[in-house]
Protein backbone atom coordinates (compact mmCIF):
# COMPACT_ATOMS: atom_id res chain seq x y z
CA MET A 1 110.92 116.90 79.05
CA SER A 2 107.94 116.06 77.01
CA VAL A 3 107.19 119.55 76.96
CA VAL A 4 110.18 121.03 75.41
CA ILE A 5 109.97 118.32 72.95
CA ASN A 6 106.51 119.29 72.02
CA THR A 7 107.12 122.98 71.72
CA GLN A 8 110.16 122.31 69.66
CA ASN A 9 108.04 120.01 67.50
CA ALA A 10 105.23 122.55 67.34
CA SER A 11 107.56 125.08 66.34
CA VAL A 12 109.04 123.19 63.45
CA ILE A 13 105.65 122.19 62.10
CA HIS A 14 104.58 126.11 62.26
CA ASN A 15 107.99 127.48 60.21
CA GLY A 16 107.41 124.30 58.03
CA SER A 17 104.12 125.58 57.22
CA ASP A 18 104.95 128.98 56.22
CA MET A 19 108.19 127.74 54.07
CA ASN A 20 107.19 124.64 52.50
CA SER A 21 110.67 124.40 50.85
CA GLY A 22 112.56 124.73 54.09
CA ALA A 23 110.51 122.02 55.81
CA ILE A 24 112.81 119.08 55.52
CA ALA A 25 116.05 121.44 56.94
CA GLY A 26 113.59 122.80 59.47
CA LEU A 27 112.77 119.36 60.85
CA ALA A 28 116.10 118.16 60.74
CA ILE A 29 117.23 121.30 62.66
CA GLY A 30 114.41 120.93 65.30
CA CYS A 31 115.36 117.25 66.16
CA THR A 32 119.06 118.35 66.11
CA ILE A 33 117.76 121.00 68.90
CA SER A 34 115.74 118.32 71.04
CA ALA A 35 118.37 116.10 70.74
CA ALA A 36 121.03 118.20 72.12
CA ILE A 37 118.44 119.68 74.75
CA ILE A 38 118.10 115.76 75.89
CA ILE A 39 121.87 115.44 76.20
CA ILE A 40 122.45 118.44 78.26
CA VAL A 41 119.74 118.19 80.52
CA CYS A 42 121.26 114.27 81.02
CA ILE A 43 124.77 115.99 81.45
CA MET A 44 123.39 118.84 83.90
CA ILE A 45 121.97 115.85 86.15
């Protein structure tokens, strides 16, 4: 799971550096996606 979360965070940081105006929105979306993945995995288990 840590690998998935780290990959998601890296993509969010990369997107934020490309679009400074959308950095906050990108970070919020990234956190939401990460949380959704964790919830889905917990349900699957």
